[in-house]
Amino acid sequence: MIDALPKTHPATGEQYLSVPLRGLPLLHHPFLNKGLAFTGEERFQLGLKGLLPSAERTIELQLTDVIDELDRQPSDLDKNIFLNNLLDRNETLFYRLVQDHVSEMVPLIYTPVVGEAIANYSHNFNQPRGIYLSYPDRDRMEEILDHRAFEHVDVICVTDGERILGLGDEGAGGIGITVGKLALYTICAGVNPSSCLPIGLDVGTNNESLLNDPEYIGWRHERVRGKDYDDFIAQFVDTVKRKFPHVFLHWEDFGKANATRILNTYRPQLCTFNDDIQGTGAVALSTLLAALKTTGQDLKDQRVAFLGGGTAGVGIADKIRLMMQQQGLSEEEAYSRFFLVDINGLLQEGQDLADFQQPYAKAAGTLDEWDVQDKANITLAEVVKHAAPTVLFGVSSQTGAFTEAIIRSMADRTERPIVMPLSNPTSKCEAVPQDVINWTEGRAVVATGSPFDDAIYQGKTIPVTQCNNAFIFPGIGLGVVATKPTAVSDGMIFAAVECLAAHAPSLEDPTARLLPPLEKAREVCHAIALAVGAKAYEEGLATVGSADELESLVRGKIWNADYLPYRPA
């Protein structure tokens, strides 16, 4: 393991890296490799003389070469593969490229292209990244974690690959989503990539195409379930707590049966967070607050419908409901404003529901006046007709599920419908924004999970906001890494929500987007980190420093994609 954190020279104050590698191993280490940017002195000191041609290049010249090569790639998937190969060859150059061209690059390394990349993960597998914890190796978990590349770990992103985006079970290939998420911690918030550890929990897969694929890279076994699965997760958490007591543990893309249960079980035990539940809920609420500023309405007056009553849908509903209660609604009144439609229709008492879904189930008798075809399976169209929602969320992965009839019915019942088809990747989105704008005569406010072009209506450009978690979880993570709290509280998440909503461009221009552009991500995530850290001190959760030191603590954790001088260890 390598200690890759910068050191400061006591006499000059210069930052540098103490490098334990020499020669070819140094050139083959992606975080430490500079390529032709190694100086002449570094080449002598680190055994590189003769292993590189004599020319020295700046990072700017290297970027020119990389951009030229990227532009020659024939497809977005090829560009994703090229960028991942660059990440595996020269991390600093990769991050400098993405930071300098963030709006262009993030869709290539994350949604929507990451979905196609993960679906083809086994066939494009090249350089391993992170840690693979396979169920058959469960008794050697601590030893395997000691095989990580870097000693210092601030953030772990872990998945079991069961519900990757809207694609479903991708097995061991799901680790690609953790690599992408952790890259966003660095790109958007400046968290040091050497302190970010992607982990894939390989507990098998029920994806028959993977099990039958001779090139599948994972454990060829059906998914482990029940007590064996729970014991494996418990052992993983116990090992993480013991080895990394101050780590920020980010759960990603776990299945509906496990995600909320795991979060609720371990949230009191360590500093942990589920982006599908808490991050999606937080960014959706921030976007909704900005949309309501545009439409001139209050949150507590909204009626909110969902297509998709799983972890993401309930996670969003929970955040909105809690803020409605903060604005004066009783708990009963707040719950009454939500209508969640899942695989068996509108959630109702008497259905076979998960624990986290039950609070949103409609009580028997409350829908007696609704004229529906089957009261045991009430459709989204019937919910829109009878409940007249003002806000509609899509987290179902059902392509085109927001039909023209449904959207027009919604628009007939509310002047400024707010429509958020959030399913990822683009191919799973419930509606195309241009269609929603057309069907509502330009009155809808639209936000999506994946990037879409702005809509045009009667010659007027109507912005389509990407409801992007990349503004929320990296900022929360930076605040956590700086203050090392014992838990991530609801108060800390709501502080992030309010901070992001306060940065909405639409506050100054009602025709502008509901969230800032990705070029503002560093600025916004820095502000979110300060808000989250301040709340951690206020609630007595922070374990280092003081509120007076917060700014310096946050700035001290920000890594920039520049080559530092190297000194032999």
Protein backbone atom coordinates (compact mmCIF):
# COMPACT_ATOMS: atom_id res chain seq x y z
CA MET A 1 0.00 0.00 0.00
CA ILE A 2 1.14 3.52 -0.79
CA ASP A 3 0.64 6.69 1.27
CA ALA A 4 -0.28 9.08 -1.55
CA LEU A 5 -1.31 12.11 0.50
CA PRO A 6 0.66 15.31 -0.23
CA LYS A 7 3.35 16.36 2.21
CA THR A 8 4.53 19.90 2.96
CA HIS A 9 8.21 20.82 3.06
CA PRO A 10 8.89 22.32 6.52
CA ALA A 11 11.26 25.01 5.22
CA THR A 12 9.70 26.09 1.91
CA GLY A 13 6.05 25.20 2.46
CA GLU A 14 6.08 23.44 -0.95
CA GLN A 15 3.73 20.51 -1.37
CA TYR A 16 5.20 17.31 -2.78
CA LEU A 17 4.61 13.56 -2.94
CA SER A 18 6.93 11.09 -1.28
CA VAL A 19 7.17 8.28 -3.84
CA PRO A 20 8.22 4.75 -2.85
CA LEU A 21 8.35 3.39 -6.42
CA ARG A 22 11.13 3.59 -8.98
CA GLY A 23 11.53 2.74 -12.64
CA LEU A 24 8.89 0.82 -14.57
CA PRO A 25 6.60 0.19 -11.55
CA LEU A 26 6.31 3.97 -11.18
CA LEU A 27 5.41 4.42 -14.86
CA HIS A 28 2.78 1.68 -14.53
CA HIS A 29 1.13 3.22 -11.43
CA PRO A 30 -1.85 5.29 -12.67
CA PHE A 31 -2.02 7.69 -9.73
CA LEU A 32 1.72 8.41 -9.72
CA ASN A 33 2.54 8.24 -13.42
CA LYS A 34 3.20 11.60 -15.12
CA GLY A 35 4.36 10.23 -18.47
CA LEU A 36 6.58 12.73 -20.27
CA ALA A 37 5.81 15.35 -17.60
CA PHE A 38 8.44 13.87 -15.26
CA THR A 39 11.19 16.47 -14.90
CA GLY A 40 14.80 15.70 -15.65
CA GLU A 41 15.67 15.72 -11.95
CA GLU A 42 12.80 13.36 -11.12
CA ARG A 43 13.93 10.99 -13.87
CA PHE A 44 17.39 10.73 -12.30
CA GLN A 45 16.12 10.42 -8.72
CA LEU A 46 13.38 7.89 -9.49
CA GLY A 47 15.19 5.56 -11.89
CA LEU A 48 13.35 6.73 -15.00
CA LYS A 49 16.32 7.93 -17.07
CA GLY A 50 16.34 6.01 -20.32
CA LEU A 51 12.84 4.59 -19.76
CA LEU A 52 11.31 7.73 -21.28
CA PRO A 53 12.31 9.69 -24.39
CA SER A 54 14.24 12.85 -23.56
CA ALA A 55 11.42 15.34 -24.29
CA GLU A 56 9.55 16.87 -21.36
CA ARG A 57 5.93 17.91 -21.77
CA THR A 58 3.63 20.09 -19.71
CA ILE A 59 0.23 18.80 -18.68
CA GLU A 60 -1.31 21.30 -21.09
CA LEU A 61 0.49 19.73 -24.06
CA GLN A 62 -0.46 16.27 -22.85
CA LEU A 63 -4.10 17.41 -22.76
CA THR A 64 -3.91 18.53 -26.38
CA ASP A 65 -2.74 15.08 -27.43
CA VAL A 66 -5.40 13.33 -25.34
CA ILE A 67 -8.24 15.48 -26.70
CA ASP A 68 -7.12 14.81 -30.27
CA GLU A 69 -7.15 11.07 -29.60
CA LEU A 70 -10.51 11.22 -27.82
CA ASP A 71 -12.07 13.05 -30.75
CA ARG A 72 -11.01 10.21 -33.05
CA GLN A 73 -13.06 7.64 -31.11
CA PRO A 74 -16.03 6.53 -33.25
CA SER A 75 -18.74 6.25 -30.56
CA ASP A 76 -19.59 7.39 -27.04
CA LEU A 77 -18.89 3.87 -25.74
CA ASP A 78 -15.46 3.94 -27.38
CA LYS A 79 -14.87 7.32 -25.75
CA ASN A 80 -15.89 5.87 -22.38
CA ILE A 81 -13.43 3.01 -22.85
CA PHE A 82 -10.70 5.43 -23.93
CA LEU A 83 -11.27 7.61 -20.86
CA ASN A 84 -11.23 4.64 -18.52
CA ASN A 85 -7.98 3.50 -20.11
CA LEU A 86 -6.59 6.99 -19.50
CA LEU A 87 -7.74 6.74 -15.87
CA ASP A 88 -5.85 3.46 -15.60
CA ARG A 89 -2.73 5.02 -17.14
CA ASN A 90 -2.51 8.56 -15.75
CA GLU A 91 -5.12 9.61 -13.19
CA THR A 92 -3.98 13.20 -12.85
CA LEU A 93 -4.21 13.76 -16.58
CA PHE A 94 -7.65 12.10 -16.65
CA TYR A 95 -9.02 14.35 -13.92
CA ARG A 96 -7.49 17.47 -15.43
CA LEU A 97 -9.16 16.64 -18.75
CA VAL A 98 -12.57 16.07 -17.16
CA GLN A 99 -12.35 19.12 -14.91
CA ASP A 100 -11.42 21.37 -17.83
CA HIS A 101 -14.27 19.99 -20.00
CA VAL A 102 -16.74 18.83 -17.35
CA SER A 103 -20.04 19.22 -19.23
CA GLU A 104 -18.68 17.31 -22.21
CA MET A 105 -16.88 14.59 -20.25
CA VAL A 106 -19.23 13.70 -17.37
CA PRO A 107 -21.92 12.18 -19.64
CA LEU A 108 -19.18 10.01 -21.18
CA ILE A 109 -17.89 8.63 -17.88
CA TYR A 110 -21.21 8.56 -16.05
CA THR A 111 -24.86 8.60 -17.11
CA PRO A 112 -25.94 7.92 -19.80
CA VAL A 113 -22.89 6.14 -21.29
CA VAL A 114 -21.88 4.32 -18.10
CA GLY A 115 -24.96 2.11 -18.44
CA GLU A 116 -23.80 0.73 -21.79
CA ALA A 117 -20.26 0.38 -20.43
CA ILE A 118 -21.43 -1.70 -17.46
CA ALA A 119 -23.67 -3.85 -19.64
CA ASN A 120 -20.52 -4.71 -21.63
CA TYR A 121 -18.17 -4.73 -18.62
CA SER A 122 -16.99 -8.34 -18.90
CA HIS A 123 -16.28 -8.03 -22.61
CA ASN A 124 -14.30 -4.80 -22.21
CA PHE A 125 -12.53 -5.74 -18.96
CA ASN A 126 -8.94 -4.56 -19.02
CA GLN A 127 -7.40 -3.13 -15.86
CA PRO A 128 -8.91 -4.04 -12.46
CA ARG A 129 -9.78 -1.09 -10.25
CA GLY A 130 -10.89 -1.25 -6.64
CA ILE A 131 -11.60 -4.34 -4.55
CA TYR A 132 -13.74 -7.35 -5.49
CA LEU A 133 -15.13 -9.12 -2.42
CA SER A 134 -16.55 -12.44 -3.58
CA TYR A 135 -18.88 -14.47 -1.37
CA PRO A 136 -16.68 -17.62 -1.50
CA ASP A 137 -13.81 -15.50 -0.09
CA ARG A 138 -15.83 -14.09 2.80
CA ASP A 139 -13.56 -15.57 5.46
CA ARG A 140 -10.59 -13.63 4.03
CA MET A 141 -12.30 -10.25 3.81
CA GLU A 142 -9.84 -8.33 5.99
CA GLU A 143 -6.86 -9.76 4.16
CA ILE A 144 -8.41 -8.83 0.79
CA LEU A 145 -9.06 -5.24 1.90
CA ASP A 146 -5.36 -5.01 2.74
CA HIS A 147 -4.62 -5.60 -0.95
CA ARG A 148 -5.91 -2.11 -1.77
CA ALA A 149 -3.57 0.27 -3.57
CA PHE A 150 -3.52 3.12 -1.03
CA GLU A 151 -3.19 3.20 2.72
CA HIS A 152 -5.49 6.14 3.41
CA VAL A 153 -9.24 5.66 2.75
CA ASP A 154 -11.77 8.46 3.23
CA VAL A 155 -14.64 7.28 1.02
CA ILE A 156 -15.83 3.80 0.08
CA CYS A 157 -18.47 3.32 -2.61
CA VAL A 158 -19.87 -0.21 -2.61
CA THR A 159 -22.44 -2.09 -4.69
CA ASP A 160 -23.66 -5.66 -5.02
CA GLY A 161 -24.65 -4.96 -8.63
CA GLU A 162 -28.30 -5.99 -8.28
CA ARG A 163 -30.01 -2.82 -9.52
CA ILE A 164 -27.59 -0.89 -11.69
CA LEU A 165 -29.31 2.28 -12.94
CA GLY A 166 -32.40 1.07 -14.81
CA LEU A 167 -30.57 -1.97 -16.21
CA GLY A 168 -31.11 -4.37 -13.33
CA ASP A 169 -28.76 -7.14 -12.22
CA GLU A 170 -25.28 -6.66 -13.69
CA GLY A 171 -23.43 -8.88 -11.21
CA ALA A 172 -19.72 -8.25 -10.78
CA GLY A 173 -19.76 -5.68 -13.59
CA GLY A 174 -21.66 -3.39 -11.25
CA ILE A 175 -18.35 -2.26 -9.76
CA GLY A 176 -18.18 0.08 -12.75
CA ILE A 177 -20.87 2.23 -11.15
CA THR A 178 -18.77 2.67 -8.00
CA VAL A 179 -15.75 3.73 -10.07
CA GLY A 180 -17.92 6.30 -11.83
CA LYS A 181 -19.46 7.61 -8.61
CA LEU A 182 -16.07 8.01 -6.94
CA ALA A 183 -14.73 9.85 -9.98
CA LEU A 184 -17.54 12.38 -9.43
CA TYR A 185 -16.44 12.88 -5.81
CA THR A 186 -13.12 14.06 -7.23
CA ILE A 187 -14.42 15.94 -10.27
CA CYS A 188 -17.22 17.81 -8.51
CA ALA A 189 -15.87 18.23 -4.97
CA GLY A 190 -12.13 17.66 -5.15
CA VAL A 191 -11.95 14.60 -2.88
CA ASN A 192 -8.50 13.04 -3.32
CA PRO A 193 -8.92 10.05 -5.67
CA SER A 194 -6.24 8.08 -3.83
CA SER A 195 -8.47 8.11 -0.74
CA CYS A 196 -11.53 6.76 -2.63
CA LEU A 197 -12.02 2.99 -2.69
CA PRO A 198 -14.52 1.29 -5.05
CA ILE A 199 -15.76 -2.09 -3.82
CA GLY A 200 -17.89 -4.70 -5.57
CA LEU A 201 -19.63 -7.29 -3.41
CA ASP A 202 -19.87 -10.31 -5.70
CA VAL A 203 -22.73 -12.35 -4.24
CA GLY A 204 -23.66 -13.96 -7.54
CA THR A 205 -26.16 -12.89 -10.17
CA ASN A 206 -29.60 -13.92 -11.38
CA ASN A 207 -28.92 -12.49 -14.83
CA GLU A 208 -29.07 -15.59 -17.03
CA SER A 209 -27.24 -13.90 -19.90
CA LEU A 210 -24.28 -13.28 -17.59
CA LEU A 211 -24.34 -16.78 -16.11
CA ASN A 212 -24.29 -18.21 -19.62
CA ASP A 213 -21.61 -15.83 -20.90
CA PRO A 214 -18.20 -17.58 -21.01
CA GLU A 215 -16.53 -14.16 -20.64
CA TYR A 216 -18.40 -13.17 -17.46
CA ILE A 217 -15.85 -12.00 -14.91
CA GLY A 218 -17.82 -12.69 -11.73
CA TRP A 219 -18.72 -15.62 -9.49
CA ARG A 220 -20.88 -17.86 -11.66
CA HIS A 221 -23.65 -18.55 -9.13
CA GLU A 222 -27.20 -17.44 -8.46
CA ARG A 223 -27.53 -14.57 -5.99
CA VAL A 224 -27.07 -15.33 -2.32
CA ARG A 225 -30.22 -14.44 -0.38
CA GLY A 226 -31.64 -14.46 3.14
CA LYS A 227 -29.51 -14.97 6.22
CA ASP A 228 -26.38 -15.85 4.24
CA TYR A 229 -26.59 -12.50 2.43
CA ASP A 230 -27.31 -10.55 5.63
CA ASP A 231 -24.39 -12.24 7.41
CA PHE A 232 -22.09 -11.32 4.51
CA ILE A 233 -23.17 -7.67 4.66
CA ALA A 234 -22.77 -7.63 8.46
CA GLN A 235 -19.28 -9.07 8.15
CA PHE A 236 -18.41 -6.46 5.51
CA VAL A 237 -19.64 -3.57 7.67
CA ASP A 238 -17.87 -4.93 10.75
CA THR A 239 -14.61 -5.20 8.81
CA VAL A 240 -14.96 -1.68 7.42
CA LYS A 241 -15.71 -0.23 10.87
CA ARG A 242 -12.65 -1.92 12.31
CA LYS A 243 -10.23 -1.00 9.52
CA PHE A 244 -11.55 2.46 8.59
CA PRO A 245 -13.36 3.91 11.63
CA HIS A 246 -13.88 7.38 10.08
CA VAL A 247 -14.73 6.32 6.54
CA PHE A 248 -17.75 7.63 4.61
CA LEU A 249 -19.48 4.45 3.37
CA HIS A 250 -21.61 5.08 0.28
CA TRP A 251 -24.06 2.30 -0.73
CA GLU A 252 -24.94 2.26 -4.44
CA ASP A 253 -27.51 0.39 -6.57
CA PHE A 254 -28.64 -2.31 -4.15
CA GLY A 255 -31.94 -4.08 -4.85
CA LYS A 256 -35.29 -2.91 -3.47
CA ALA A 257 -35.45 -5.72 -0.94
CA ASN A 258 -32.10 -4.75 0.57
CA ALA A 259 -31.27 -1.07 0.03
CA THR A 260 -33.49 0.60 2.64
CA ARG A 261 -33.10 -2.24 5.11
CA ILE A 262 -29.31 -2.08 4.94
CA LEU A 263 -29.27 1.70 5.31
CA ASN A 264 -31.61 1.66 8.31
CA THR A 265 -29.66 -1.18 9.95
CA TYR A 266 -26.22 0.39 9.70
CA ARG A 267 -26.95 4.11 9.72
CA PRO A 268 -26.69 4.25 13.54
CA GLN A 269 -23.40 2.33 13.50
CA LEU A 270 -21.16 4.34 11.18
CA CYS A 271 -21.07 7.29 8.81
CA THR A 272 -23.03 5.84 5.92
CA PHE A 273 -25.21 7.03 3.06
CA ASN A 274 -27.27 5.57 0.21
CA ASP A 275 -27.26 7.76 -2.87
CA ASP A 276 -30.26 6.07 -4.49
CA ILE A 277 -32.38 6.82 -1.42
CA GLN A 278 -30.89 9.92 0.21
CA GLY A 279 -28.97 11.49 -2.68
CA THR A 280 -31.75 11.12 -5.22
CA GLY A 281 -34.26 12.36 -2.67
CA ALA A 282 -32.11 15.36 -1.82
CA VAL A 283 -31.40 16.50 -5.38
CA ALA A 284 -35.02 15.91 -6.40
CA LEU A 285 -36.24 18.03 -3.50
CA SER A 286 -33.73 20.78 -4.34
CA THR A 287 -34.91 20.75 -7.95
CA LEU A 288 -38.56 20.78 -6.90
CA LEU A 289 -37.99 23.76 -4.58
CA ALA A 290 -36.38 25.65 -7.46
CA ALA A 291 -39.26 24.68 -9.78
CA LEU A 292 -41.81 25.96 -7.27
CA LYS A 293 -40.01 29.28 -7.14
CA THR A 294 -40.49 29.41 -10.91
CA THR A 295 -44.20 28.58 -10.71
CA GLY A 296 -44.82 30.74 -7.62
CA GLN A 297 -46.21 27.91 -5.48
CA ASP A 298 -45.59 26.53 -1.99
CA LEU A 299 -44.31 23.02 -1.36
CA LYS A 300 -46.96 22.23 1.24
CA ASP A 301 -49.71 22.79 -1.35
CA GLN A 302 -48.45 20.18 -3.83
CA ARG A 303 -49.96 16.80 -4.67
CA VAL A 304 -47.20 14.45 -5.72
CA ALA A 305 -47.50 11.29 -7.82
CA PHE A 306 -44.80 8.71 -8.49
CA LEU A 307 -44.42 5.98 -11.04
CA GLY A 308 -42.06 3.71 -9.14
CA GLY A 309 -42.54 2.99 -5.46
CA GLY A 310 -39.16 1.41 -4.75
CA THR A 311 -36.22 2.75 -2.81
CA ALA A 312 -35.67 5.77 -5.07
CA GLY A 313 -39.35 6.76 -5.17
CA VAL A 314 -39.85 6.41 -1.44
CA GLY A 315 -36.52 8.12 -0.78
CA ILE A 316 -37.68 11.16 -2.76
CA ALA A 317 -41.12 11.10 -1.15
CA ASP A 318 -39.62 10.96 2.34
CA LYS A 319 -37.50 14.06 1.78
CA ILE A 320 -40.41 16.05 0.32
CA ARG A 321 -42.81 14.90 3.03
CA LEU A 322 -40.47 15.85 5.87
CA MET A 323 -40.05 19.35 4.44
CA MET A 324 -43.83 19.65 4.04
CA GLN A 325 -44.12 18.88 7.75
CA GLN A 326 -41.49 21.50 8.50
CA GLN A 327 -43.70 23.95 6.61
CA GLY A 328 -46.67 23.23 8.89
CA LEU A 329 -48.48 20.14 7.64
CA SER A 330 -49.23 17.38 10.08
CA GLU A 331 -47.71 13.98 9.37
CA GLU A 332 -51.13 12.65 8.31
CA GLU A 333 -51.76 15.63 6.00
CA ALA A 334 -48.32 15.28 4.43
CA TYR A 335 -48.72 11.56 3.72
CA SER A 336 -52.13 12.20 2.16
CA ARG A 337 -50.51 14.30 -0.58
CA PHE A 338 -48.50 11.38 -2.00
CA PHE A 339 -49.64 8.76 -4.53
CA LEU A 340 -47.07 6.07 -5.30
CA VAL A 341 -47.72 3.66 -8.17
CA ASP A 342 -45.60 0.51 -8.26
CA ILE A 343 -45.74 -2.81 -10.08
CA ASN A 344 -49.17 -3.66 -8.62
CA GLY A 345 -50.63 -0.20 -9.08
CA LEU A 346 -51.21 2.49 -6.47
CA LEU A 347 -49.81 1.47 -3.08
CA GLN A 348 -52.77 0.46 -0.88
CA GLU A 349 -53.26 -1.29 2.42
CA GLY A 350 -53.63 -5.03 2.02
CA GLN A 351 -51.02 -5.32 -0.71
CA ASP A 352 -47.77 -7.21 -0.17
CA LEU A 353 -45.57 -4.17 0.53
CA ALA A 354 -42.08 -3.70 1.90
CA ASP A 355 -41.81 -2.02 5.28
CA PHE A 356 -40.54 1.24 3.77
CA GLN A 357 -43.54 1.39 1.38
CA GLN A 358 -46.28 0.85 3.93
CA PRO A 359 -46.52 4.43 5.28
CA TYR A 360 -47.52 5.59 1.77
CA ALA A 361 -50.22 2.94 1.28
CA LYS A 362 -53.70 4.42 0.93
CA ALA A 363 -56.10 3.25 3.63
CA ALA A 364 -59.08 1.11 2.71
CA GLY A 365 -62.13 3.23 1.87
CA THR A 366 -60.28 6.46 1.07
CA LEU A 367 -60.53 5.84 -2.68
CA ASP A 368 -64.16 4.65 -2.80
CA GLU A 369 -65.24 7.62 -4.89
CA TRP A 370 -62.66 6.94 -7.58
CA ASP A 371 -64.08 5.52 -10.79
CA VAL A 372 -61.43 2.91 -11.66
CA GLN A 373 -61.42 -0.31 -13.63
CA ASP A 374 -59.74 -2.45 -10.93
CA LYS A 375 -59.57 -1.10 -7.38
CA ALA A 376 -56.88 -3.65 -6.53
CA ASN A 377 -54.62 -2.32 -9.29
CA ILE A 378 -55.11 1.43 -9.81
CA THR A 379 -53.04 2.73 -12.72
CA LEU A 380 -51.01 5.92 -13.02
CA ALA A 381 -53.54 7.28 -15.53
CA GLU A 382 -56.31 6.78 -12.97
CA VAL A 383 -54.23 8.42 -10.25
CA VAL A 384 -53.64 11.47 -12.45
CA LYS A 385 -57.34 11.67 -13.29
CA HIS A 386 -58.60 11.45 -9.69
CA ALA A 387 -55.77 12.83 -7.53
CA ALA A 388 -54.88 15.69 -9.92
CA PRO A 389 -51.17 15.74 -9.00
CA THR A 390 -49.23 18.94 -9.50
CA VAL A 391 -45.89 17.09 -9.51
CA LEU A 392 -45.09 13.81 -11.28
CA PHE A 393 -41.92 11.78 -10.68
CA GLY A 394 -40.75 8.84 -12.77
CA VAL A 395 -38.38 6.34 -11.13
CA SER A 396 -39.73 3.21 -12.79
CA SER A 397 -37.23 2.49 -15.62
CA GLN A 398 -40.30 2.10 -17.88
CA THR A 399 -39.44 3.74 -21.18
CA GLY A 400 -42.20 6.08 -22.37
CA ALA A 401 -44.50 5.34 -19.43
CA PHE A 402 -45.52 9.02 -19.24
CA THR A 403 -47.82 8.84 -22.26
CA GLU A 404 -49.38 11.75 -24.07
CA ALA A 405 -52.75 10.91 -22.51
CA ILE A 406 -51.31 10.93 -18.97
CA ILE A 407 -49.41 14.21 -19.42
CA ARG A 408 -52.36 15.94 -21.09
CA SER A 409 -54.63 14.74 -18.31
CA MET A 410 -52.22 16.19 -15.75
CA ALA A 411 -52.00 19.48 -17.65
CA ASP A 412 -55.82 19.70 -17.73
CA ARG A 413 -55.81 19.72 -13.94
CA THR A 414 -52.89 22.00 -13.09
CA GLU A 415 -51.67 25.16 -14.79
CA ARG A 416 -47.90 24.55 -14.40
CA PRO A 417 -47.30 20.79 -14.12
CA ILE A 418 -43.87 19.80 -12.81
CA VAL A 419 -42.73 16.61 -14.54
CA MET A 420 -39.56 14.76 -13.56
CA PRO A 421 -38.83 11.55 -15.51
CA LEU A 422 -35.72 10.58 -13.58
CA SER A 423 -34.95 7.01 -14.67
CA ASN A 424 -31.44 6.34 -15.99
CA PRO A 425 -29.95 5.77 -18.48
CA THR A 426 -31.62 7.79 -21.24
CA SER A 427 -33.10 4.66 -22.82
CA LYS A 428 -35.14 4.02 -19.63
CA CYS A 429 -36.56 7.55 -19.27
CA GLU A 430 -40.34 7.75 -18.78
CA ALA A 431 -40.74 10.61 -21.28
CA VAL A 432 -38.77 12.75 -23.70
CA PRO A 433 -38.79 16.37 -22.46
CA GLN A 434 -39.69 17.80 -25.87
CA ASP A 435 -42.83 15.64 -25.90
CA VAL A 436 -43.83 16.77 -22.40
CA ILE A 437 -43.45 20.41 -23.44
CA ASN A 438 -45.51 19.85 -26.60
CA TRP A 439 -48.28 17.99 -24.76
CA THR A 440 -48.61 20.80 -22.17
CA GLU A 441 -48.47 23.68 -24.67
CA GLY A 442 -45.17 24.80 -23.19
CA ARG A 443 -46.48 25.07 -19.61
CA ALA A 444 -44.61 22.19 -17.97
CA VAL A 445 -41.44 22.50 -15.92
CA VAL A 446 -39.29 19.48 -16.76
CA ALA A 447 -36.27 17.91 -15.07
CA THR A 448 -34.72 14.58 -16.05
CA GLY A 449 -32.28 12.06 -14.63
CA SER A 450 -30.09 11.89 -17.74
CA PRO A 451 -29.01 14.82 -19.90
CA PHE A 452 -31.41 15.91 -22.67
CA ASP A 453 -31.39 18.80 -25.12
CA ASP A 454 -33.46 21.84 -24.24
CA ALA A 455 -37.01 21.86 -25.61
CA ILE A 456 -38.30 24.29 -28.23
CA TYR A 457 -41.90 25.49 -28.21
CA GLN A 458 -43.26 28.08 -30.65
CA GLY A 459 -39.73 29.31 -31.28
CA LYS A 460 -38.94 29.68 -27.57
CA THR A 461 -36.19 27.68 -25.86
CA ILE A 462 -37.38 25.99 -22.66
CA PRO A 463 -34.50 24.70 -20.49
CA VAL A 464 -34.49 21.05 -19.42
CA THR A 465 -32.65 20.57 -16.14
CA GLN A 466 -30.72 17.40 -15.42
CA CYS A 467 -31.66 16.43 -11.86
CA ASN A 468 -28.10 15.32 -11.24
CA ASN A 469 -26.99 13.72 -7.97
CA ALA A 470 -23.47 14.89 -8.83
CA PHE A 471 -24.24 18.16 -7.04
CA ILE A 472 -25.35 16.48 -3.82
CA PHE A 473 -23.34 13.41 -2.85
CA PRO A 474 -19.86 14.84 -3.64
CA GLY A 475 -20.58 17.95 -1.56
CA ILE A 476 -21.93 15.88 1.32
CA GLY A 477 -18.89 13.62 1.03
CA LEU A 478 -16.44 16.54 1.15
CA GLY A 479 -18.16 17.92 4.25
CA VAL A 480 -18.02 14.49 5.88
CA VAL A 481 -14.38 13.87 4.98
CA ALA A 482 -13.45 17.28 6.45
CA THR A 483 -15.32 16.93 9.76
CA LYS A 484 -15.44 13.14 10.27
CA PRO A 485 -18.91 12.96 11.85
CA THR A 486 -20.16 9.79 13.51
CA ALA A 487 -23.24 9.70 11.27
CA VAL A 488 -24.91 11.41 8.32
CA SER A 489 -28.02 12.97 9.84
CA ASP A 490 -31.22 14.12 8.17
CA GLY A 491 -30.24 17.61 9.27
CA MET A 492 -27.00 17.39 7.32
CA ILE A 493 -28.85 16.20 4.20
CA PHE A 494 -31.46 18.98 4.47
CA ALA A 495 -28.62 21.49 4.84
CA ALA A 496 -27.31 20.21 1.49
CA VAL A 497 -30.79 20.44 -0.05
CA GLU A 498 -31.29 24.06 0.99
CA CYS A 499 -27.79 25.02 -0.12
CA LEU A 500 -28.24 23.53 -3.59
CA ALA A 501 -31.69 25.10 -3.97
CA ALA A 502 -30.17 28.47 -3.05
CA HIS A 503 -27.80 28.15 -6.03
CA ALA A 504 -30.59 27.66 -8.58
CA PRO A 505 -30.09 29.98 -11.59
CA SER A 506 -33.90 30.22 -11.84
CA LEU A 507 -33.96 32.26 -8.62
CA GLU A 508 -32.57 35.21 -10.59
CA ASP A 509 -34.11 34.35 -13.97
CA PRO A 510 -37.38 32.35 -14.01
CA THR A 511 -36.59 31.14 -17.53
CA ALA A 512 -33.22 29.67 -16.50
CA ARG A 513 -32.39 26.14 -15.38
CA LEU A 514 -33.37 24.77 -11.98
CA LEU A 515 -29.85 23.62 -11.11
CA PRO A 516 -26.45 25.17 -11.86
CA PRO A 517 -24.36 23.94 -14.82
CA LEU A 518 -21.74 21.30 -14.13
CA GLU A 519 -19.05 23.97 -14.62
CA LYS A 520 -20.23 25.35 -11.25
CA ALA A 521 -20.02 21.96 -9.51
CA ARG A 522 -16.80 22.71 -7.58
CA GLU A 523 -18.19 26.01 -6.31
CA VAL A 524 -21.56 24.53 -5.35
CA CYS A 525 -20.11 21.37 -3.74
CA HIS A 526 -17.74 23.54 -1.69
CA ALA A 527 -20.73 25.50 -0.40
CA ILE A 528 -22.63 22.27 0.32
CA ALA A 529 -19.62 20.87 2.20
CA LEU A 530 -19.56 23.97 4.41
CA ALA A 531 -23.32 23.71 5.05
CA VAL A 532 -23.08 20.00 5.87
CA GLY A 533 -20.03 20.51 8.09
CA ALA A 534 -21.68 23.38 9.96
CA LYS A 535 -24.71 21.19 10.65
CA ALA A 536 -22.44 18.36 11.82
CA TYR A 537 -20.87 20.70 14.39
CA GLU A 538 -24.27 22.11 15.37
CA GLU A 539 -25.63 18.60 16.02
CA GLY A 540 -22.52 17.48 17.90
CA LEU A 541 -21.62 14.82 15.33
CA ALA A 542 -18.26 16.15 14.07
CA THR A 543 -15.22 14.54 15.68
CA VAL A 544 -12.35 16.77 14.49
CA GLY A 545 -11.66 20.50 14.64
CA SER A 546 -14.27 23.13 15.42
CA ALA A 547 -16.84 25.19 13.57
CA ASP A 548 -14.34 28.07 13.45
CA GLU A 549 -11.91 25.86 11.53
CA LEU A 550 -14.47 24.51 9.06
CA GLU A 551 -13.39 26.56 6.04
CA SER A 552 -9.74 25.55 6.39
CA LEU A 553 -10.67 21.91 7.06
CA VAL A 554 -12.74 21.75 3.86
CA ARG A 555 -10.12 23.52 1.76
CA GLY A 556 -7.46 21.20 3.16
CA LYS A 557 -9.31 18.21 1.72
CA ILE A 558 -9.60 19.56 -1.83
CA TRP A 559 -7.32 17.88 -4.36
CA ASN A 560 -6.49 19.56 -7.66
CA ALA A 561 -5.43 17.75 -10.83
CA ASP A 562 -1.91 19.16 -11.05
CA TYR A 563 1.43 17.35 -11.03
CA LEU A 564 3.16 17.83 -7.69
CA PRO A 565 6.96 17.57 -7.39
CA TYR A 566 8.13 14.06 -6.45
CA ARG A 567 10.77 13.10 -3.90
CA PRO A 568 12.07 9.57 -3.37
CA ALA A 569 10.60 7.96 -0.23
